[in-house]
Amino acid sequence: MKGLIVSTLVFVLYVVMTAFFSHFLRPDRHSKIFLPGILFSILLYFGIYIRSSADLGFIPPAWIAHYSRLDFLLGFVILMLNIHSYIDWFFGFNGGFSTSLILLLHRAGNNGMQVEEVIARYHGEGGMDKIYGWRLPRLEQTGYIKIDEASGICTLTLKGRLAAATTRRIKRALNLGAGG
């Protein structure tokens, strides 16, 4: 029970901490907050679990784990799964294009917006598509693709091929279909 309680407390702190830093630092990429936060949470979990008493000062004796290593591991796994779920939720909700469209229309009020006006909001000053335009340069920057400057042809790097093959295998194993 100790692992579950410590895991829950550290997870709540992780959520509060990432929300606080996201709000005040306004990072260009939230992974700059989420990834160091994971390391901090792991260290905090280890530190609290190892340094605290088996009963945390309030757990009834019947609820104290007989196998402390198993309790420690279970709490750690639960912490990692909670953090993973939170990050998935964040990027799905915050970064989802449909959510962005819904919020844009909400801000427009009861009058709504013309389709052309909605589409125009997702194009930069030079006409670059804000939805897709940043992704190709980012994939090249992170080493997944190579863009030939002369021809404009995009090809996968070894890292990109490995990521694509892994994704394809996972999608096939989970029967997820052909979509993105």
N, C-alpha and C. Protein backbone atom coordinates (compact mmCIF):
# COMPACT_ATOMS: atom_id res chain seq x y z
N MET A 1 0.83 -1.19 0.00
CA MET A 1 0.00 0.00 0.00
C MET A 1 0.88 1.26 0.00
N LYS A 2 2.03 1.17 0.63
CA LYS A 2 2.92 2.32 0.69
C LYS A 2 3.32 2.78 -0.71
N GLY A 3 3.65 1.83 -1.59
CA GLY A 3 4.04 2.18 -2.96
C GLY A 3 2.94 2.91 -3.70
N LEU A 4 1.70 2.45 -3.54
CA LEU A 4 0.57 3.09 -4.20
C LEU A 4 0.36 4.51 -3.68
N ILE A 5 0.46 4.69 -2.38
CA ILE A 5 0.25 6.02 -1.79
C ILE A 5 1.35 6.98 -2.21
N VAL A 6 2.60 6.55 -2.11
CA VAL A 6 3.72 7.41 -2.50
C VAL A 6 3.63 7.72 -4.00
N SER A 7 3.29 6.71 -4.81
CA SER A 7 3.14 6.91 -6.24
C SER A 7 2.07 7.95 -6.55
N THR A 8 0.95 7.88 -5.87
CA THR A 8 -0.14 8.83 -6.10
C THR A 8 0.28 10.24 -5.71
N LEU A 9 0.95 10.38 -4.59
CA LEU A 9 1.40 11.71 -4.15
C LEU A 9 2.41 12.31 -5.13
N VAL A 10 3.35 11.50 -5.59
CA VAL A 10 4.36 11.99 -6.53
C VAL A 10 3.70 12.34 -7.86
N PHE A 11 2.73 11.54 -8.30
CA PHE A 11 2.03 11.84 -9.55
C PHE A 11 1.27 13.16 -9.45
N VAL A 12 0.57 13.37 -8.36
CA VAL A 12 -0.16 14.65 -8.18
C VAL A 12 0.83 15.81 -8.22
N LEU A 13 1.96 15.65 -7.56
CA LEU A 13 2.99 16.69 -7.59
C LEU A 13 3.50 16.90 -9.02
N TYR A 14 3.68 15.83 -9.78
CA TYR A 14 4.12 15.93 -11.18
C TYR A 14 3.14 16.76 -12.00
N VAL A 15 1.86 16.48 -11.86
CA VAL A 15 0.84 17.22 -12.62
C VAL A 15 0.86 18.69 -12.23
N VAL A 16 0.88 18.98 -10.94
CA VAL A 16 0.90 20.37 -10.47
C VAL A 16 2.17 21.08 -10.95
N MET A 17 3.30 20.39 -10.86
CA MET A 17 4.57 20.97 -11.26
C MET A 17 4.61 21.28 -12.76
N THR A 18 4.16 20.34 -13.59
CA THR A 18 4.18 20.59 -15.03
C THR A 18 3.19 21.69 -15.42
N ALA A 19 2.05 21.73 -14.75
CA ALA A 19 1.09 22.81 -15.03
C ALA A 19 1.68 24.16 -14.64
N PHE A 20 2.32 24.22 -13.49
CA PHE A 20 2.93 25.46 -13.01
C PHE A 20 4.00 25.95 -13.98
N PHE A 21 4.95 25.07 -14.32
CA PHE A 21 6.03 25.48 -15.21
C PHE A 21 5.54 25.77 -16.62
N SER A 22 4.55 25.03 -17.10
CA SER A 22 3.99 25.32 -18.42
C SER A 22 3.36 26.70 -18.44
N HIS A 23 2.67 27.03 -17.37
CA HIS A 23 1.97 28.32 -17.31
C HIS A 23 2.96 29.49 -17.24
N PHE A 24 3.99 29.35 -16.41
CA PHE A 24 4.89 30.48 -16.19
C PHE A 24 6.06 30.54 -17.16
N LEU A 25 6.54 29.41 -17.63
CA LEU A 25 7.68 29.43 -18.56
C LEU A 25 7.24 29.49 -20.02
N ARG A 26 6.04 29.06 -20.32
CA ARG A 26 5.49 29.04 -21.68
C ARG A 26 6.53 28.50 -22.69
N PRO A 27 6.89 27.22 -22.53
CA PRO A 27 7.93 26.65 -23.41
C PRO A 27 7.44 26.48 -24.84
N ASP A 28 8.38 26.51 -25.77
CA ASP A 28 8.01 26.27 -27.17
C ASP A 28 7.68 24.80 -27.39
N ARG A 29 8.27 23.91 -26.61
CA ARG A 29 7.99 22.48 -26.66
C ARG A 29 7.80 21.98 -25.23
N HIS A 30 6.65 21.43 -24.95
CA HIS A 30 6.35 21.00 -23.58
C HIS A 30 7.21 19.82 -23.12
N SER A 31 7.82 19.11 -24.05
CA SER A 31 8.71 18.03 -23.65
C SER A 31 9.87 18.55 -22.81
N LYS A 32 10.20 19.83 -22.94
CA LYS A 32 11.26 20.44 -22.13
C LYS A 32 10.86 20.50 -20.66
N ILE A 33 9.58 20.39 -20.38
CA ILE A 33 9.10 20.36 -19.00
C ILE A 33 8.77 18.93 -18.58
N PHE A 34 8.10 18.19 -19.46
CA PHE A 34 7.65 16.84 -19.10
C PHE A 34 8.80 15.88 -18.86
N LEU A 35 9.81 15.88 -19.71
CA LEU A 35 10.90 14.90 -19.57
C LEU A 35 11.75 15.13 -18.32
N PRO A 36 12.21 16.36 -18.03
CA PRO A 36 12.93 16.55 -16.76
C PRO A 36 12.03 16.28 -15.55
N GLY A 37 10.74 16.55 -15.70
CA GLY A 37 9.80 16.28 -14.62
C GLY A 37 9.70 14.80 -14.31
N ILE A 38 9.82 13.96 -15.36
CA ILE A 38 9.80 12.50 -15.14
C ILE A 38 11.01 12.09 -14.31
N LEU A 39 12.18 12.58 -14.68
CA LEU A 39 13.39 12.24 -13.93
C LEU A 39 13.26 12.69 -12.48
N PHE A 40 12.78 13.91 -12.27
CA PHE A 40 12.58 14.42 -10.92
C PHE A 40 11.60 13.54 -10.15
N SER A 41 10.51 13.12 -10.80
CA SER A 41 9.50 12.29 -10.14
C SER A 41 10.04 10.92 -9.76
N ILE A 42 10.85 10.35 -10.63
CA ILE A 42 11.47 9.05 -10.32
C ILE A 42 12.36 9.17 -9.09
N LEU A 43 13.20 10.20 -9.11
CA LEU A 43 14.10 10.40 -7.96
C LEU A 43 13.31 10.68 -6.69
N LEU A 44 12.26 11.47 -6.80
CA LEU A 44 11.42 11.79 -5.64
C LEU A 44 10.74 10.52 -5.12
N TYR A 45 10.19 9.71 -6.01
CA TYR A 45 9.56 8.46 -5.60
C TYR A 45 10.56 7.58 -4.86
N PHE A 46 11.73 7.36 -5.45
CA PHE A 46 12.76 6.54 -4.81
C PHE A 46 13.11 7.10 -3.44
N GLY A 47 13.36 8.41 -3.38
CA GLY A 47 13.75 9.05 -2.12
C GLY A 47 12.69 8.92 -1.04
N ILE A 48 11.46 9.21 -1.37
CA ILE A 48 10.38 9.12 -0.38
C ILE A 48 10.17 7.68 0.06
N TYR A 49 10.15 6.77 -0.90
CA TYR A 49 9.89 5.37 -0.55
C TYR A 49 11.00 4.82 0.35
N ILE A 50 12.23 5.09 0.00
CA ILE A 50 13.36 4.52 0.75
C ILE A 50 13.49 5.15 2.14
N ARG A 51 13.24 6.44 2.25
CA ARG A 51 13.46 7.15 3.52
C ARG A 51 12.27 7.13 4.47
N SER A 52 11.10 6.74 4.00
CA SER A 52 9.93 6.77 4.88
C SER A 52 9.69 5.41 5.53
N SER A 53 8.95 5.43 6.63
CA SER A 53 8.65 4.19 7.34
C SER A 53 7.66 3.34 6.55
N ALA A 54 7.60 2.07 6.86
CA ALA A 54 6.74 1.14 6.14
C ALA A 54 5.26 1.50 6.26
N ASP A 55 4.88 2.13 7.38
CA ASP A 55 3.47 2.47 7.57
C ASP A 55 3.15 3.93 7.25
N LEU A 56 4.14 4.69 6.83
CA LEU A 56 4.00 6.11 6.53
C LEU A 56 3.36 6.90 7.67
N GLY A 57 3.30 6.27 8.82
CA GLY A 57 2.73 6.93 9.99
C GLY A 57 1.23 6.82 10.11
N PHE A 58 0.57 6.17 9.15
CA PHE A 58 -0.90 6.07 9.23
C PHE A 58 -1.49 4.81 8.60
N ILE A 59 -0.70 4.02 7.90
CA ILE A 59 -1.23 2.82 7.26
C ILE A 59 -1.45 1.74 8.33
N PRO A 60 -2.63 1.13 8.38
CA PRO A 60 -2.89 0.05 9.35
C PRO A 60 -1.94 -1.12 9.11
N PRO A 61 -1.56 -1.83 10.15
CA PRO A 61 -0.62 -2.96 10.00
C PRO A 61 -1.07 -4.00 8.98
N ALA A 62 -2.36 -4.24 8.86
CA ALA A 62 -2.84 -5.25 7.90
C ALA A 62 -2.61 -4.82 6.45
N TRP A 63 -2.43 -3.55 6.21
CA TRP A 63 -2.24 -3.05 4.85
C TRP A 63 -0.76 -2.87 4.47
N ILE A 64 0.12 -3.13 5.37
CA ILE A 64 1.55 -2.99 5.09
C ILE A 64 2.00 -4.21 4.28
N ALA A 65 2.68 -3.97 3.19
CA ALA A 65 3.12 -5.05 2.30
C ALA A 65 4.14 -5.94 2.97
N HIS A 66 3.97 -7.24 2.78
CA HIS A 66 4.94 -8.20 3.32
C HIS A 66 6.20 -8.25 2.46
N TYR A 67 6.04 -7.93 1.19
CA TYR A 67 7.17 -7.93 0.26
C TYR A 67 7.42 -6.50 -0.18
N SER A 68 8.31 -5.83 0.52
CA SER A 68 8.52 -4.41 0.26
C SER A 68 9.08 -4.14 -1.13
N ARG A 69 9.87 -5.04 -1.66
CA ARG A 69 10.40 -4.84 -3.02
C ARG A 69 9.29 -4.87 -4.06
N LEU A 70 8.34 -5.79 -3.87
CA LEU A 70 7.21 -5.87 -4.78
C LEU A 70 6.34 -4.62 -4.64
N ASP A 71 6.13 -4.16 -3.43
CA ASP A 71 5.35 -2.94 -3.18
C ASP A 71 6.04 -1.74 -3.84
N PHE A 72 7.36 -1.67 -3.69
CA PHE A 72 8.15 -0.59 -4.31
C PHE A 72 8.00 -0.62 -5.83
N LEU A 73 8.15 -1.81 -6.42
CA LEU A 73 8.06 -1.96 -7.87
C LEU A 73 6.65 -1.64 -8.37
N LEU A 74 5.65 -2.13 -7.67
CA LEU A 74 4.27 -1.87 -8.07
C LEU A 74 3.98 -0.36 -8.06
N GLY A 75 4.38 0.32 -7.00
CA GLY A 75 4.19 1.76 -6.93
C GLY A 75 4.90 2.49 -8.04
N PHE A 76 6.11 2.04 -8.36
CA PHE A 76 6.89 2.67 -9.43
C PHE A 76 6.20 2.48 -10.79
N VAL A 77 5.75 1.27 -11.06
CA VAL A 77 5.07 0.99 -12.33
C VAL A 77 3.80 1.83 -12.44
N ILE A 78 3.04 1.93 -11.36
CA ILE A 78 1.82 2.74 -11.37
C ILE A 78 2.16 4.20 -11.62
N LEU A 79 3.22 4.71 -11.02
CA LEU A 79 3.65 6.08 -11.25
C LEU A 79 3.98 6.31 -12.72
N MET A 80 4.74 5.40 -13.32
CA MET A 80 5.12 5.56 -14.73
C MET A 80 3.90 5.47 -15.65
N LEU A 81 2.98 4.57 -15.36
CA LEU A 81 1.77 4.46 -16.18
C LEU A 81 0.91 5.72 -16.05
N ASN A 82 0.79 6.26 -14.86
CA ASN A 82 0.02 7.50 -14.66
C ASN A 82 0.65 8.67 -15.40
N ILE A 83 1.97 8.78 -15.32
CA ILE A 83 2.66 9.87 -16.02
C ILE A 83 2.49 9.71 -17.53
N HIS A 84 2.63 8.49 -18.01
CA HIS A 84 2.45 8.22 -19.44
C HIS A 84 1.05 8.60 -19.89
N SER A 85 0.05 8.21 -19.12
CA SER A 85 -1.35 8.53 -19.47
C SER A 85 -1.58 10.04 -19.46
N TYR A 86 -1.00 10.71 -18.50
CA TYR A 86 -1.14 12.17 -18.40
C TYR A 86 -0.51 12.85 -19.62
N ILE A 87 0.67 12.43 -20.01
CA ILE A 87 1.34 13.03 -21.17
C ILE A 87 0.55 12.73 -22.44
N ASP A 88 0.05 11.50 -22.59
CA ASP A 88 -0.79 11.18 -23.74
C ASP A 88 -2.02 12.07 -23.78
N TRP A 89 -2.67 12.22 -22.64
CA TRP A 89 -3.85 13.08 -22.57
C TRP A 89 -3.49 14.51 -22.94
N PHE A 90 -2.39 15.02 -22.41
CA PHE A 90 -1.99 16.40 -22.66
C PHE A 90 -1.78 16.64 -24.15
N PHE A 91 -0.97 15.80 -24.79
CA PHE A 91 -0.67 16.03 -26.20
C PHE A 91 -1.87 15.74 -27.10
N GLY A 92 -2.72 14.80 -26.71
CA GLY A 92 -3.93 14.56 -27.48
C GLY A 92 -4.92 15.70 -27.36
N PHE A 93 -5.06 16.22 -26.17
CA PHE A 93 -6.02 17.30 -25.93
C PHE A 93 -5.46 18.65 -26.35
N ASN A 94 -4.27 18.96 -25.89
CA ASN A 94 -3.68 20.27 -26.17
C ASN A 94 -3.21 20.39 -27.61
N GLY A 95 -2.65 19.33 -28.13
CA GLY A 95 -2.07 19.41 -29.47
C GLY A 95 -2.99 18.90 -30.56
N GLY A 96 -4.15 18.43 -30.20
CA GLY A 96 -5.05 17.88 -31.19
C GLY A 96 -5.63 18.96 -32.09
N PHE A 97 -5.61 18.70 -33.38
CA PHE A 97 -6.09 19.68 -34.34
C PHE A 97 -7.58 19.93 -34.18
N SER A 98 -8.35 18.89 -33.93
CA SER A 98 -9.80 19.06 -33.76
C SER A 98 -10.10 19.96 -32.57
N THR A 99 -9.36 19.78 -31.49
CA THR A 99 -9.56 20.63 -30.32
C THR A 99 -9.23 22.07 -30.65
N SER A 100 -8.18 22.28 -31.42
CA SER A 100 -7.81 23.62 -31.84
C SER A 100 -8.93 24.28 -32.65
N LEU A 101 -9.51 23.53 -33.56
CA LEU A 101 -10.62 24.05 -34.37
C LEU A 101 -11.84 24.40 -33.52
N ILE A 102 -12.17 23.52 -32.59
CA ILE A 102 -13.32 23.75 -31.73
C ILE A 102 -13.11 25.01 -30.89
N LEU A 103 -11.92 25.19 -30.34
CA LEU A 103 -11.65 26.39 -29.54
C LEU A 103 -11.68 27.65 -30.40
N LEU A 104 -11.17 27.57 -31.62
CA LEU A 104 -11.22 28.72 -32.53
C LEU A 104 -12.67 29.13 -32.80
N LEU A 105 -13.53 28.16 -33.06
CA LEU A 105 -14.93 28.46 -33.32
C LEU A 105 -15.66 28.94 -32.05
N HIS A 106 -15.23 28.43 -30.92
CA HIS A 106 -15.82 28.89 -29.65
C HIS A 106 -15.52 30.38 -29.43
N ARG A 107 -14.27 30.75 -29.72
CA ARG A 107 -13.88 32.17 -29.57
C ARG A 107 -14.63 33.07 -30.54
N ALA A 108 -15.07 32.52 -31.66
CA ALA A 108 -15.80 33.32 -32.66
C ALA A 108 -17.22 33.64 -32.19
N GLY A 109 -17.71 32.92 -31.20
CA GLY A 109 -19.04 33.20 -30.67
C GLY A 109 -20.15 32.60 -31.52
N ASN A 110 -21.36 33.09 -31.30
CA ASN A 110 -22.54 32.55 -31.98
C ASN A 110 -22.57 32.85 -33.48
N ASN A 111 -21.83 33.85 -33.93
CA ASN A 111 -21.81 34.19 -35.35
C ASN A 111 -21.03 33.20 -36.19
N GLY A 112 -20.12 32.47 -35.56
CA GLY A 112 -19.32 31.49 -36.28
C GLY A 112 -18.28 32.13 -37.17
N MET A 113 -17.75 31.35 -38.10
CA MET A 113 -16.73 31.82 -39.04
C MET A 113 -16.94 31.17 -40.39
N GLN A 114 -16.57 31.85 -41.44
CA GLN A 114 -16.59 31.28 -42.78
C GLN A 114 -15.49 30.23 -42.87
N VAL A 115 -15.71 29.19 -43.66
CA VAL A 115 -14.73 28.12 -43.83
C VAL A 115 -13.39 28.70 -44.28
N GLU A 116 -13.43 29.64 -45.23
CA GLU A 116 -12.20 30.25 -45.74
C GLU A 116 -11.44 30.97 -44.63
N GLU A 117 -12.18 31.61 -43.72
CA GLU A 117 -11.56 32.32 -42.60
C GLU A 117 -10.89 31.34 -41.64
N VAL A 118 -11.55 30.22 -41.40
CA VAL A 118 -10.97 29.19 -40.52
C VAL A 118 -9.68 28.67 -41.14
N ILE A 119 -9.73 28.35 -42.43
CA ILE A 119 -8.54 27.82 -43.12
C ILE A 119 -7.42 28.85 -43.11
N ALA A 120 -7.76 30.13 -43.30
CA ALA A 120 -6.75 31.20 -43.31
C ALA A 120 -6.02 31.30 -41.97
N ARG A 121 -6.71 30.99 -40.88
CA ARG A 121 -6.07 31.05 -39.55
C ARG A 121 -4.95 30.04 -39.40
N TYR A 122 -4.95 29.02 -40.23
CA TYR A 122 -3.94 27.97 -40.14
C TYR A 122 -2.88 28.09 -41.23
N HIS A 123 -2.70 29.30 -41.74
CA HIS A 123 -1.63 29.59 -42.70
C HIS A 123 -0.85 30.79 -42.19
N GLY A 124 0.47 30.70 -42.27
CA GLY A 124 1.33 31.79 -41.83
C GLY A 124 1.38 32.92 -42.84
N GLU A 125 2.18 33.94 -42.53
CA GLU A 125 2.29 35.12 -43.39
C GLU A 125 2.77 34.77 -44.79
N GLY A 126 3.70 33.85 -44.89
CA GLY A 126 4.22 33.46 -46.20
C GLY A 126 3.36 32.42 -46.90
N GLY A 127 2.20 32.10 -46.33
CA GLY A 127 1.32 31.10 -46.92
C GLY A 127 1.60 29.69 -46.45
N MET A 128 2.60 29.52 -45.55
CA MET A 128 2.93 28.19 -45.07
C MET A 128 1.79 27.63 -44.23
N ASP A 129 1.47 26.39 -44.47
CA ASP A 129 0.44 25.69 -43.72
C ASP A 129 0.97 25.42 -42.31
N LYS A 130 0.31 25.97 -41.29
CA LYS A 130 0.77 25.82 -39.90
C LYS A 130 0.57 24.41 -39.37
N ILE A 131 -0.34 23.67 -39.95
CA ILE A 131 -0.60 22.31 -39.47
C ILE A 131 0.49 21.35 -39.94
N TYR A 132 0.85 21.40 -41.20
CA TYR A 132 1.84 20.47 -41.75
C TYR A 132 3.21 21.10 -41.96
N GLY A 133 3.25 22.40 -42.14
CA GLY A 133 4.48 23.08 -42.53
C GLY A 133 5.63 22.93 -41.56
N TRP A 134 5.35 22.86 -40.28
CA TRP A 134 6.44 22.74 -39.30
C TRP A 134 6.89 21.31 -39.11
N ARG A 135 6.05 20.35 -39.49
CA ARG A 135 6.37 18.95 -39.20
C ARG A 135 7.53 18.42 -40.03
N LEU A 136 7.56 18.73 -41.31
CA LEU A 136 8.66 18.23 -42.14
C LEU A 136 10.01 18.77 -41.68
N PRO A 137 10.16 20.08 -41.47
CA PRO A 137 11.45 20.55 -40.97
C PRO A 137 11.81 19.95 -39.60
N ARG A 138 10.80 19.73 -38.76
CA ARG A 138 11.05 19.14 -37.43
C ARG A 138 11.51 17.69 -37.57
N LEU A 139 10.89 16.92 -38.47
CA LEU A 139 11.32 15.55 -38.69
C LEU A 139 12.74 15.49 -39.24
N GLU A 140 13.09 16.45 -40.09
CA GLU A 140 14.46 16.51 -40.60
C GLU A 140 15.43 16.89 -39.48
N GLN A 141 15.05 17.86 -38.68
CA GLN A 141 15.88 18.32 -37.57
C GLN A 141 16.15 17.20 -36.56
N THR A 142 15.15 16.36 -36.32
CA THR A 142 15.31 15.28 -35.34
C THR A 142 15.88 14.01 -35.95
N GLY A 143 16.18 14.03 -37.25
CA GLY A 143 16.90 12.92 -37.86
C GLY A 143 16.05 11.80 -38.42
N TYR A 144 14.74 12.01 -38.60
CA TYR A 144 13.89 10.96 -39.14
C TYR A 144 13.80 10.99 -40.66
N ILE A 145 13.94 12.17 -41.25
CA ILE A 145 13.87 12.27 -42.71
C ILE A 145 15.01 13.14 -43.22
N LYS A 146 15.22 13.06 -44.51
CA LYS A 146 16.18 13.92 -45.21
C LYS A 146 15.42 14.57 -46.35
N ILE A 147 15.52 15.88 -46.46
CA ILE A 147 14.86 16.62 -47.54
C ILE A 147 15.94 17.10 -48.49
N ASP A 148 15.87 16.64 -49.73
CA ASP A 148 16.82 17.07 -50.76
C ASP A 148 16.46 18.50 -51.16
N GLU A 149 17.40 19.43 -50.97
CA GLU A 149 17.12 20.85 -51.25
C GLU A 149 16.84 21.11 -52.72
N ALA A 150 17.52 20.42 -53.59
CA ALA A 150 17.36 20.67 -55.03
C ALA A 150 16.01 20.16 -55.55
N SER A 151 15.66 18.94 -55.18
CA SER A 151 14.44 18.34 -55.74
C SER A 151 13.23 18.48 -54.80
N GLY A 152 13.49 18.70 -53.49
CA GLY A 152 12.39 18.77 -52.53
C GLY A 152 11.85 17.40 -52.14
N ILE A 153 12.55 16.35 -52.52
CA ILE A 153 12.11 14.99 -52.21
C ILE A 153 12.48 14.64 -50.78
N CYS A 154 11.51 14.07 -50.06
CA CYS A 154 11.70 13.63 -48.67
C CYS A 154 11.94 12.13 -48.66
N THR A 155 12.97 11.70 -47.95
CA THR A 155 13.24 10.27 -47.79
C THR A 155 13.51 9.99 -46.32
N LEU A 156 13.24 8.75 -45.92
CA LEU A 156 13.50 8.34 -44.54
C LEU A 156 14.98 8.08 -44.31
N THR A 157 15.46 8.44 -43.15
CA THR A 157 16.81 8.06 -42.73
C THR A 157 16.70 6.68 -42.08
N LEU A 158 17.82 6.14 -41.65
CA LEU A 158 17.80 4.85 -40.95
C LEU A 158 16.91 4.96 -39.70
N LYS A 159 17.06 6.05 -38.96
CA LYS A 159 16.23 6.28 -37.78
C LYS A 159 14.75 6.34 -38.16
N GLY A 160 14.42 6.98 -39.23
CA GLY A 160 13.05 7.06 -39.71
C GLY A 160 12.49 5.72 -40.14
N ARG A 161 13.33 4.93 -40.84
CA ARG A 161 12.88 3.60 -41.26
C ARG A 161 12.63 2.70 -40.06
N LEU A 162 13.49 2.79 -39.05
CA LEU A 162 13.29 1.98 -37.83
C LEU A 162 12.02 2.40 -37.11
N ALA A 163 11.77 3.71 -37.01
CA ALA A 163 10.55 4.19 -36.37
C ALA A 163 9.32 3.75 -37.14
N ALA A 164 9.36 3.83 -38.47
CA ALA A 164 8.22 3.43 -39.29
C ALA A 164 7.97 1.93 -39.18
N ALA A 165 9.03 1.14 -39.22
CA ALA A 165 8.88 -0.32 -39.12
C ALA A 165 8.33 -0.72 -37.75
N THR A 166 8.83 -0.08 -36.71
CA THR A 166 8.34 -0.37 -35.35
C THR A 166 6.87 0.01 -35.23
N THR A 167 6.51 1.17 -35.72
CA THR A 167 5.13 1.63 -35.66
C THR A 167 4.22 0.68 -36.45
N ARG A 168 4.68 0.26 -37.60
CA ARG A 168 3.88 -0.65 -38.44
C ARG A 168 3.63 -1.97 -37.72
N ARG A 169 4.66 -2.49 -37.08
CA ARG A 169 4.51 -3.76 -36.34
C ARG A 169 3.55 -3.60 -35.16
N ILE A 170 3.68 -2.49 -34.44
CA ILE A 170 2.79 -2.25 -33.29
C ILE A 170 1.35 -2.09 -33.76
N LYS A 171 1.16 -1.32 -34.82
CA LYS A 171 -0.20 -1.12 -35.35
C LYS A 171 -0.79 -2.45 -35.83
N ARG A 172 0.01 -3.28 -36.46
CA ARG A 172 -0.47 -4.57 -36.91
C ARG A 172 -0.81 -5.47 -35.72
N ALA A 173 0.04 -5.48 -34.69
CA ALA A 173 -0.21 -6.31 -33.51
C ALA A 173 -1.47 -5.86 -32.77
N LEU A 174 -1.74 -4.57 -32.76
CA LEU A 174 -2.92 -4.02 -32.08
C LEU A 174 -4.12 -3.90 -33.00
N ASN A 175 -3.95 -4.31 -34.27
CA ASN A 175 -5.02 -4.25 -35.27
C ASN A 175 -5.61 -2.84 -35.37
N LEU A 176 -4.72 -1.82 -35.54
CA LEU A 176 -5.14 -0.43 -35.55
C LEU A 176 -5.49 0.10 -36.94
N GLY A 177 -5.26 -0.64 -37.97
CA GLY A 177 -5.62 -0.15 -39.30
C GLY A 177 -4.53 0.67 -39.94
N ALA A 178 -4.85 1.24 -41.09
CA ALA A 178 -3.85 1.91 -41.92
C ALA A 178 -3.66 3.38 -41.61
N GLY A 179 -4.52 3.99 -40.83
CA GLY A 179 -4.43 5.44 -40.59
C GLY A 179 -3.16 5.87 -39.92
N GLY A 180 -2.89 7.20 -39.90
CA GLY A 180 -1.73 7.85 -39.32
C GLY A 180 -1.19 7.28 -38.12
